Amino acid sequence: MRLLKPSPGECIDRQTILWLKIHYGSGIGEPIKNVDISERETGGRNARVTADNVSPINVQPFIDENELIQQHLESNWYTEIASDDEVKQLELENYTEELAELNHLIWKLTDQAHVLKDAPDRMAAQANIRAAEVLYTTIELNDKRAKLVRDINALFEIRTVEKIFA
C-alpha cells in the first residue's frame, strides 16, 4: 500500500533526490535556473521545478515525477497543515531543507566512492582508507535521513519505521 499512497516523508525525500537529478542533469553541475517554491491555497509549500538550461540529458522525466509527487502532497497531506498551523509549516520547511542538504552530501559521497573504486593500484591502500571513511559517513548520513523522514511523518501524525537493521 505504501507504493500507492507513500507517506509525506517518503515523498519529500524523493523530491529532494529528484531536485539533485535535475540540478546535475541540467548541465552537469550547473545550477537550476528556475525553481519556483510558492505557497498554495492549501497553505502547503509548493516545489515547482523547471530547468531552463540546455541539458546534456533529458531531465524532463524527473521534472514530471516531481510534479506528480507535488500534486500527491498537495491533495493528500498539505491540507493537514494548512495556513493556520504556521509552526508545522515552518518545521516542514526546515526538515525539507535539512533533507535536501543530507541527500546532497550523500550524493557527493557516492561520487567519491565511484572515484575511489577506480583508484590505481599504487594508491589502493590510501583509497581503501578513504573508502571506509566514505562508507561510515554515508551510513551515518542515511541514518539521519531516515530520522528526518520520520520527523516529517510525525508532523502528519504518522508513526512508521523506515529503517530496519538485520
N, C-alpha and C. Protein backbone atom coordinates (compact mmCIF):
# COMPACT_ATOMS: atom_id res chain seq x y z
N MET A 1 0.81 -1.20 0.00
CA MET A 1 0.00 0.00 0.00
C MET A 1 0.86 1.26 0.00
N ARG A 2 2.06 1.19 0.59
CA ARG A 2 2.92 2.38 0.64
C ARG A 2 3.29 2.86 -0.75
N LEU A 3 3.38 1.94 -1.71
CA LEU A 3 3.70 2.32 -3.07
C LEU A 3 2.58 3.17 -3.67
N LEU A 4 1.35 2.85 -3.32
CA LEU A 4 0.20 3.56 -3.87
C LEU A 4 -0.12 4.85 -3.12
N LYS A 5 0.22 4.88 -1.84
CA LYS A 5 0.00 6.10 -1.04
C LYS A 5 1.19 6.31 -0.12
N PRO A 6 2.30 6.80 -0.68
CA PRO A 6 3.50 6.99 0.14
C PRO A 6 3.29 8.09 1.18
N SER A 7 4.05 7.97 2.24
CA SER A 7 3.97 8.96 3.32
C SER A 7 4.56 10.29 2.85
N PRO A 8 4.21 11.38 3.53
CA PRO A 8 4.79 12.67 3.15
C PRO A 8 6.31 12.68 3.27
N GLY A 9 6.85 12.00 4.27
CA GLY A 9 8.30 11.95 4.42
C GLY A 9 8.97 11.27 3.24
N GLU A 10 8.38 10.16 2.80
CA GLU A 10 8.92 9.45 1.63
C GLU A 10 8.84 10.32 0.38
N CYS A 11 7.72 11.02 0.23
CA CYS A 11 7.54 11.89 -0.95
C CYS A 11 8.56 13.02 -0.97
N ILE A 12 8.72 13.67 0.16
CA ILE A 12 9.65 14.80 0.22
C ILE A 12 11.09 14.32 0.05
N ASP A 13 11.41 13.17 0.62
CA ASP A 13 12.74 12.59 0.42
C ASP A 13 12.98 12.36 -1.07
N ARG A 14 12.02 11.77 -1.75
CA ARG A 14 12.15 11.51 -3.18
C ARG A 14 12.28 12.82 -3.96
N GLN A 15 11.50 13.84 -3.56
CA GLN A 15 11.60 15.13 -4.24
C GLN A 15 13.00 15.72 -4.13
N THR A 16 13.60 15.63 -2.95
CA THR A 16 14.94 16.22 -2.80
C THR A 16 15.96 15.49 -3.66
N ILE A 17 15.76 14.19 -3.86
CA ILE A 17 16.64 13.43 -4.75
C ILE A 17 16.39 13.83 -6.20
N LEU A 18 15.14 14.03 -6.56
CA LEU A 18 14.82 14.48 -7.92
C LEU A 18 15.42 15.86 -8.18
N TRP A 19 15.39 16.74 -7.19
CA TRP A 19 15.99 18.07 -7.35
C TRP A 19 17.47 17.94 -7.70
N LEU A 20 18.16 16.99 -7.04
CA LEU A 20 19.57 16.76 -7.35
C LEU A 20 19.75 16.26 -8.78
N LYS A 21 18.91 15.32 -9.19
CA LYS A 21 19.00 14.79 -10.55
C LYS A 21 18.75 15.90 -11.57
N ILE A 22 17.79 16.75 -11.30
CA ILE A 22 17.50 17.87 -12.20
C ILE A 22 18.68 18.84 -12.19
N HIS A 23 19.18 19.13 -11.01
CA HIS A 23 20.30 20.06 -10.86
C HIS A 23 21.52 19.60 -11.65
N TYR A 24 21.94 18.37 -11.41
CA TYR A 24 23.15 17.88 -12.07
C TYR A 24 22.90 17.50 -13.52
N GLY A 25 21.70 17.07 -13.83
CA GLY A 25 21.37 16.71 -15.19
C GLY A 25 21.15 17.90 -16.10
N SER A 26 20.94 19.05 -15.50
CA SER A 26 20.67 20.26 -16.28
C SER A 26 21.94 20.98 -16.68
N GLY A 27 23.03 20.31 -16.75
CA GLY A 27 24.26 20.96 -17.17
C GLY A 27 25.47 20.49 -16.41
N ILE A 28 25.39 19.31 -15.82
CA ILE A 28 26.50 18.72 -15.07
C ILE A 28 27.10 19.75 -14.12
N GLY A 29 26.38 19.99 -13.05
CA GLY A 29 26.86 20.88 -12.01
C GLY A 29 26.36 22.29 -12.13
N GLU A 30 25.76 22.62 -13.26
CA GLU A 30 25.20 23.96 -13.40
C GLU A 30 23.96 24.06 -12.52
N PRO A 31 23.75 25.20 -11.90
CA PRO A 31 22.56 25.33 -11.05
C PRO A 31 21.28 25.34 -11.89
N ILE A 32 20.20 24.95 -11.25
CA ILE A 32 18.90 25.04 -11.89
C ILE A 32 18.57 26.53 -11.97
N LYS A 33 18.21 26.99 -13.14
CA LYS A 33 17.98 28.42 -13.30
C LYS A 33 16.60 28.87 -12.89
N ASN A 34 15.65 27.96 -12.80
CA ASN A 34 14.30 28.36 -12.48
C ASN A 34 13.68 27.37 -11.51
N VAL A 35 13.63 27.75 -10.25
CA VAL A 35 12.96 26.93 -9.25
C VAL A 35 11.92 27.81 -8.59
N ASP A 36 10.67 27.40 -8.66
CA ASP A 36 9.58 28.18 -8.10
C ASP A 36 9.06 27.46 -6.88
N ILE A 37 9.30 28.03 -5.71
CA ILE A 37 8.74 27.48 -4.48
C ILE A 37 7.79 28.52 -3.93
N SER A 38 6.50 28.22 -3.99
CA SER A 38 5.50 29.20 -3.59
C SER A 38 4.43 28.54 -2.74
N GLU A 39 3.68 29.36 -2.03
CA GLU A 39 2.60 28.84 -1.20
C GLU A 39 1.37 28.59 -2.06
N ARG A 40 0.63 27.59 -1.70
CA ARG A 40 -0.61 27.27 -2.39
C ARG A 40 -1.78 27.69 -1.51
N GLU A 41 -2.96 27.66 -2.11
CA GLU A 41 -4.16 28.00 -1.35
C GLU A 41 -4.33 27.08 -0.14
N THR A 42 -3.81 25.85 -0.25
CA THR A 42 -3.93 24.89 0.83
C THR A 42 -3.03 25.24 2.01
N GLY A 43 -2.14 26.19 1.81
CA GLY A 43 -1.22 26.55 2.87
C GLY A 43 0.06 25.75 2.83
N GLY A 44 0.11 24.73 2.00
CA GLY A 44 1.31 23.90 1.91
C GLY A 44 2.35 24.53 1.02
N ARG A 45 3.55 24.10 1.17
CA ARG A 45 4.63 24.58 0.33
C ARG A 45 4.56 23.87 -1.01
N ASN A 46 4.93 24.58 -2.02
CA ASN A 46 4.88 24.05 -3.37
C ASN A 46 6.29 24.06 -3.92
N ALA A 47 6.68 23.04 -4.64
CA ALA A 47 8.02 22.98 -5.21
C ALA A 47 7.92 22.68 -6.69
N ARG A 48 7.57 23.67 -7.44
CA ARG A 48 7.51 23.53 -8.89
C ARG A 48 8.93 23.71 -9.42
N VAL A 49 9.37 22.81 -10.26
CA VAL A 49 10.72 22.89 -10.79
C VAL A 49 10.67 22.86 -12.30
N THR A 50 11.37 23.81 -12.90
CA THR A 50 11.59 23.77 -14.33
C THR A 50 13.07 23.99 -14.56
N ALA A 51 13.60 23.45 -15.62
CA ALA A 51 15.01 23.62 -15.94
C ALA A 51 15.12 24.41 -17.23
N ASP A 52 15.68 25.61 -17.14
CA ASP A 52 15.83 26.46 -18.31
C ASP A 52 17.12 26.18 -19.06
N ASN A 53 18.03 25.44 -18.45
CA ASN A 53 19.31 25.16 -19.06
C ASN A 53 19.14 24.21 -20.25
N VAL A 54 20.07 24.27 -21.16
CA VAL A 54 20.14 23.24 -22.19
C VAL A 54 20.80 22.05 -21.49
N SER A 55 20.13 20.93 -21.50
CA SER A 55 20.57 19.79 -20.71
C SER A 55 21.26 18.74 -21.56
N PRO A 56 22.39 18.20 -21.05
CA PRO A 56 23.05 17.11 -21.76
C PRO A 56 22.27 15.80 -21.66
N ILE A 57 21.37 15.71 -20.68
CA ILE A 57 20.50 14.55 -20.56
C ILE A 57 19.06 15.04 -20.45
N ASN A 58 18.14 14.14 -20.67
CA ASN A 58 16.73 14.51 -20.59
C ASN A 58 16.28 14.48 -19.13
N VAL A 59 16.11 15.64 -18.52
CA VAL A 59 15.68 15.71 -17.13
C VAL A 59 14.16 15.83 -17.01
N GLN A 60 13.47 15.89 -18.14
CA GLN A 60 12.01 16.06 -18.09
C GLN A 60 11.31 14.96 -17.29
N PRO A 61 11.73 13.68 -17.39
CA PRO A 61 11.06 12.67 -16.55
C PRO A 61 11.19 12.97 -15.05
N PHE A 62 12.32 13.53 -14.63
CA PHE A 62 12.50 13.90 -13.22
C PHE A 62 11.59 15.06 -12.85
N ILE A 63 11.47 16.02 -13.74
CA ILE A 63 10.58 17.16 -13.52
C ILE A 63 9.13 16.68 -13.44
N ASP A 64 8.76 15.78 -14.34
CA ASP A 64 7.39 15.25 -14.35
C ASP A 64 7.10 14.47 -13.06
N GLU A 65 8.05 13.64 -12.63
CA GLU A 65 7.86 12.88 -11.40
C GLU A 65 7.74 13.81 -10.20
N ASN A 66 8.57 14.85 -10.16
CA ASN A 66 8.49 15.83 -9.08
C ASN A 66 7.10 16.47 -9.04
N GLU A 67 6.57 16.80 -10.20
CA GLU A 67 5.24 17.41 -10.27
C GLU A 67 4.17 16.45 -9.75
N LEU A 68 4.25 15.18 -10.13
CA LEU A 68 3.28 14.19 -9.64
C LEU A 68 3.35 14.04 -8.12
N ILE A 69 4.55 14.02 -7.59
CA ILE A 69 4.73 13.93 -6.14
C ILE A 69 4.16 15.17 -5.47
N GLN A 70 4.43 16.33 -6.07
CA GLN A 70 3.91 17.57 -5.51
C GLN A 70 2.38 17.57 -5.47
N GLN A 71 1.77 17.10 -6.54
CA GLN A 71 0.31 17.02 -6.58
C GLN A 71 -0.21 16.06 -5.51
N HIS A 72 0.49 14.93 -5.32
CA HIS A 72 0.11 13.97 -4.28
C HIS A 72 0.20 14.62 -2.90
N LEU A 73 1.28 15.35 -2.65
CA LEU A 73 1.44 16.02 -1.35
C LEU A 73 0.34 17.04 -1.13
N GLU A 74 0.04 17.81 -2.14
CA GLU A 74 -0.98 18.85 -2.01
C GLU A 74 -2.37 18.27 -1.79
N SER A 75 -2.70 17.21 -2.48
CA SER A 75 -4.06 16.67 -2.37
C SER A 75 -4.23 15.75 -1.16
N ASN A 76 -3.15 15.15 -0.67
CA ASN A 76 -3.28 14.18 0.42
C ASN A 76 -2.71 14.63 1.76
N TRP A 77 -1.76 15.54 1.76
CA TRP A 77 -1.08 15.83 3.02
C TRP A 77 -1.05 17.29 3.42
N TYR A 78 -0.78 18.19 2.49
CA TYR A 78 -0.57 19.58 2.87
C TYR A 78 -1.80 20.24 3.45
N THR A 79 -2.97 19.75 3.11
CA THR A 79 -4.18 20.33 3.70
C THR A 79 -4.24 20.10 5.21
N GLU A 80 -3.51 19.08 5.69
CA GLU A 80 -3.50 18.80 7.13
C GLU A 80 -2.72 19.85 7.93
N ILE A 81 -1.81 20.54 7.29
CA ILE A 81 -1.09 21.61 7.98
C ILE A 81 -1.31 22.91 7.22
N ALA A 82 -2.58 23.24 7.08
CA ALA A 82 -2.97 24.44 6.34
C ALA A 82 -2.41 25.69 7.00
N SER A 83 -2.68 26.82 6.42
CA SER A 83 -2.07 28.09 6.83
C SER A 83 -2.30 28.44 8.29
N ASP A 84 -3.26 27.81 8.96
CA ASP A 84 -3.50 28.11 10.37
C ASP A 84 -2.47 27.48 11.29
N ASP A 85 -1.60 26.62 10.76
CA ASP A 85 -0.59 25.98 11.59
C ASP A 85 0.81 26.35 11.08
N GLU A 86 1.20 27.58 11.36
CA GLU A 86 2.47 28.11 10.87
C GLU A 86 3.67 27.38 11.47
N VAL A 87 3.54 26.90 12.70
CA VAL A 87 4.65 26.20 13.35
C VAL A 87 4.97 24.92 12.58
N LYS A 88 3.96 24.14 12.25
CA LYS A 88 4.18 22.91 11.49
C LYS A 88 4.72 23.21 10.10
N GLN A 89 4.22 24.27 9.48
CA GLN A 89 4.71 24.63 8.15
C GLN A 89 6.19 24.97 8.20
N LEU A 90 6.59 25.74 9.21
CA LEU A 90 7.99 26.11 9.36
C LEU A 90 8.85 24.88 9.65
N GLU A 91 8.36 23.99 10.50
CA GLU A 91 9.09 22.75 10.77
C GLU A 91 9.25 21.93 9.49
N LEU A 92 8.18 21.83 8.71
CA LEU A 92 8.23 21.08 7.47
C LEU A 92 9.25 21.69 6.52
N GLU A 93 9.26 22.99 6.43
CA GLU A 93 10.22 23.69 5.57
C GLU A 93 11.65 23.41 6.03
N ASN A 94 11.89 23.48 7.33
CA ASN A 94 13.23 23.23 7.87
C ASN A 94 13.66 21.78 7.65
N TYR A 95 12.76 20.83 7.90
CA TYR A 95 13.08 19.43 7.67
C TYR A 95 13.39 19.17 6.19
N THR A 96 12.61 19.81 5.31
CA THR A 96 12.84 19.63 3.87
C THR A 96 14.21 20.15 3.47
N GLU A 97 14.59 21.31 3.98
CA GLU A 97 15.91 21.87 3.68
C GLU A 97 17.01 20.95 4.21
N GLU A 98 16.84 20.45 5.43
CA GLU A 98 17.83 19.53 6.01
C GLU A 98 17.96 18.26 5.18
N LEU A 99 16.82 17.73 4.76
CA LEU A 99 16.80 16.51 3.95
C LEU A 99 17.49 16.75 2.62
N ALA A 100 17.24 17.89 2.01
CA ALA A 100 17.90 18.22 0.74
C ALA A 100 19.41 18.30 0.92
N GLU A 101 19.86 18.92 2.02
CA GLU A 101 21.29 19.02 2.29
C GLU A 101 21.91 17.64 2.52
N LEU A 102 21.23 16.81 3.30
CA LEU A 102 21.74 15.46 3.57
C LEU A 102 21.83 14.64 2.28
N ASN A 103 20.79 14.70 1.46
CA ASN A 103 20.82 13.94 0.22
C ASN A 103 21.91 14.46 -0.71
N HIS A 104 22.18 15.75 -0.67
CA HIS A 104 23.27 16.31 -1.48
C HIS A 104 24.61 15.78 -0.98
N LEU A 105 24.81 15.73 0.33
CA LEU A 105 26.05 15.18 0.89
C LEU A 105 26.21 13.70 0.52
N ILE A 106 25.12 12.94 0.62
CA ILE A 106 25.17 11.52 0.26
C ILE A 106 25.50 11.38 -1.22
N TRP A 107 24.94 12.25 -2.06
CA TRP A 107 25.22 12.25 -3.50
C TRP A 107 26.72 12.45 -3.74
N LYS A 108 27.29 13.46 -3.05
CA LYS A 108 28.72 13.76 -3.21
C LYS A 108 29.59 12.61 -2.72
N LEU A 109 29.21 12.00 -1.61
CA LEU A 109 29.97 10.87 -1.09
C LEU A 109 29.91 9.68 -2.05
N THR A 110 28.77 9.47 -2.65
CA THR A 110 28.64 8.39 -3.63
C THR A 110 29.54 8.65 -4.83
N ASP A 111 29.63 9.90 -5.27
CA ASP A 111 30.56 10.27 -6.34
C ASP A 111 32.00 9.94 -5.94
N GLN A 112 32.36 10.26 -4.69
CA GLN A 112 33.70 9.95 -4.20
C GLN A 112 33.95 8.44 -4.20
N ALA A 113 32.94 7.68 -3.79
CA ALA A 113 33.09 6.22 -3.76
C ALA A 113 33.37 5.69 -5.16
N HIS A 114 32.72 6.24 -6.17
CA HIS A 114 32.95 5.79 -7.55
C HIS A 114 34.39 6.10 -7.99
N VAL A 115 34.88 7.25 -7.60
CA VAL A 115 36.26 7.62 -7.94
C VAL A 115 37.23 6.69 -7.22
N LEU A 116 36.99 6.45 -5.94
CA LEU A 116 37.87 5.58 -5.16
C LEU A 116 37.87 4.15 -5.69
N LYS A 117 36.74 3.69 -6.17
CA LYS A 117 36.63 2.33 -6.72
C LYS A 117 37.58 2.15 -7.90
N ASP A 118 37.81 3.22 -8.64
CA ASP A 118 38.66 3.15 -9.83
C ASP A 118 40.09 3.65 -9.58
N ALA A 119 40.48 3.75 -8.31
CA ALA A 119 41.83 4.24 -7.98
C ALA A 119 42.89 3.29 -8.53
N PRO A 120 44.03 3.83 -8.98
CA PRO A 120 45.11 2.98 -9.47
C PRO A 120 45.68 2.12 -8.33
N ASP A 121 46.27 0.99 -8.71
CA ASP A 121 46.80 0.06 -7.72
C ASP A 121 47.79 0.71 -6.76
N ARG A 122 48.60 1.62 -7.26
CA ARG A 122 49.63 2.23 -6.40
C ARG A 122 49.01 3.08 -5.28
N MET A 123 47.74 3.41 -5.41
CA MET A 123 47.06 4.22 -4.39
C MET A 123 45.99 3.42 -3.65
N ALA A 124 46.00 2.11 -3.82
CA ALA A 124 44.94 1.26 -3.27
C ALA A 124 44.80 1.39 -1.76
N ALA A 125 45.91 1.41 -1.03
CA ALA A 125 45.85 1.48 0.44
C ALA A 125 45.19 2.79 0.88
N GLN A 126 45.62 3.90 0.30
CA GLN A 126 45.02 5.20 0.64
C GLN A 126 43.55 5.24 0.23
N ALA A 127 43.25 4.70 -0.94
CA ALA A 127 41.88 4.70 -1.43
C ALA A 127 40.98 3.87 -0.52
N ASN A 128 41.50 2.74 -0.02
CA ASN A 128 40.71 1.89 0.87
C ASN A 128 40.40 2.59 2.20
N ILE A 129 41.38 3.33 2.72
CA ILE A 129 41.15 4.08 3.96
C ILE A 129 40.07 5.13 3.74
N ARG A 130 40.19 5.88 2.65
CA ARG A 130 39.19 6.91 2.35
C ARG A 130 37.83 6.27 2.05
N ALA A 131 37.83 5.14 1.38
CA ALA A 131 36.57 4.45 1.07
C ALA A 131 35.85 4.05 2.35
N ALA A 132 36.60 3.60 3.35
CA ALA A 132 35.99 3.24 4.63
C ALA A 132 35.38 4.47 5.29
N GLU A 133 36.09 5.61 5.23
CA GLU A 133 35.56 6.86 5.78
C GLU A 133 34.27 7.25 5.06
N VAL A 134 34.28 7.13 3.74
CA VAL A 134 33.09 7.47 2.94
C VAL A 134 31.94 6.55 3.31
N LEU A 135 32.22 5.26 3.45
CA LEU A 135 31.19 4.29 3.80
C LEU A 135 30.55 4.63 5.15
N TYR A 136 31.38 4.84 6.18
CA TYR A 136 30.84 5.11 7.51
C TYR A 136 30.10 6.44 7.56
N THR A 137 30.59 7.43 6.84
CA THR A 137 29.90 8.72 6.79
C THR A 137 28.55 8.58 6.08
N THR A 138 28.54 7.80 5.00
CA THR A 138 27.29 7.57 4.26
C THR A 138 26.26 6.86 5.14
N ILE A 139 26.70 5.88 5.90
CA ILE A 139 25.80 5.18 6.82
C ILE A 139 25.23 6.15 7.85
N GLU A 140 26.09 6.98 8.41
CA GLU A 140 25.66 7.96 9.41
C GLU A 140 24.65 8.94 8.81
N LEU A 141 24.93 9.43 7.61
CA LEU A 141 24.01 10.38 6.96
C LEU A 141 22.70 9.72 6.59
N ASN A 142 22.73 8.46 6.16
CA ASN A 142 21.49 7.75 5.85
C ASN A 142 20.63 7.54 7.10
N ASP A 143 21.28 7.32 8.25
CA ASP A 143 20.53 7.21 9.50
C ASP A 143 19.86 8.55 9.83
N LYS A 144 20.58 9.65 9.63
CA LYS A 144 19.99 10.98 9.86
C LYS A 144 18.85 11.24 8.88
N ARG A 145 19.03 10.77 7.66
CA ARG A 145 18.00 10.92 6.63
C ARG A 145 16.73 10.18 7.05
N ALA A 146 16.88 8.95 7.53
CA ALA A 146 15.72 8.17 7.99
C ALA A 146 15.02 8.87 9.15
N LYS A 147 15.80 9.48 10.04
CA LYS A 147 15.20 10.21 11.17
C LYS A 147 14.41 11.42 10.65
N LEU A 148 14.94 12.13 9.68
CA LEU A 148 14.22 13.27 9.13
C LEU A 148 12.92 12.84 8.45
N VAL A 149 12.94 11.72 7.75
CA VAL A 149 11.71 11.20 7.14
C VAL A 149 10.69 10.90 8.24
N ARG A 150 11.15 10.28 9.35
CA ARG A 150 10.25 10.02 10.49
C ARG A 150 9.73 11.31 11.08
N ASP A 151 10.60 12.32 11.20
CA ASP A 151 10.19 13.61 11.77
C ASP A 151 9.13 14.29 10.89
N ILE A 152 9.32 14.22 9.57
CA ILE A 152 8.32 14.79 8.66
C ILE A 152 7.01 14.04 8.83
N ASN A 153 7.07 12.72 8.84
CA ASN A 153 5.85 11.93 9.02
C ASN A 153 5.16 12.24 10.34
N ALA A 154 5.94 12.47 11.39
CA ALA A 154 5.37 12.79 12.70
C ALA A 154 4.56 14.09 12.67
N LEU A 155 4.96 15.04 11.82
CA LEU A 155 4.18 16.27 11.68
C LEU A 155 2.76 15.97 11.21
N PHE A 156 2.61 14.86 10.50
CA PHE A 156 1.31 14.44 9.97
C PHE A 156 0.72 13.30 10.81
N GLU A 157 1.29 13.11 12.00
CA GLU A 157 0.85 12.09 12.95
C GLU A 157 0.94 10.67 12.39
N ILE A 158 1.98 10.43 11.62
CA ILE A 158 2.27 9.11 11.08
C ILE A 158 3.48 8.58 11.82
N ARG A 159 3.35 7.41 12.39
CA ARG A 159 4.45 6.77 13.12
C ARG A 159 4.83 5.50 12.37
N THR A 160 5.93 5.56 11.64
CA THR A 160 6.40 4.38 10.90
C THR A 160 7.87 4.17 11.16
N VAL A 161 8.33 2.98 10.89
CA VAL A 161 9.75 2.68 10.98
C VAL A 161 10.25 2.55 9.55
N GLU A 162 11.17 3.43 9.16
CA GLU A 162 11.69 3.44 7.80
C GLU A 162 12.93 2.59 7.65
N LYS A 163 13.71 2.46 8.71
CA LYS A 163 14.95 1.70 8.67
C LYS A 163 14.81 0.47 9.52
N ILE A 164 15.15 -0.67 8.93
CA ILE A 164 15.14 -1.93 9.67
C ILE A 164 16.53 -2.54 9.52
N PHE A 165 17.17 -2.79 10.66
CA PHE A 165 18.51 -3.35 10.63
C PHE A 165 18.45 -4.83 10.95
N ALA A 166 19.22 -5.62 10.20
CA ALA A 166 19.23 -7.07 10.41
C ALA A 166 20.16 -7.43 11.55
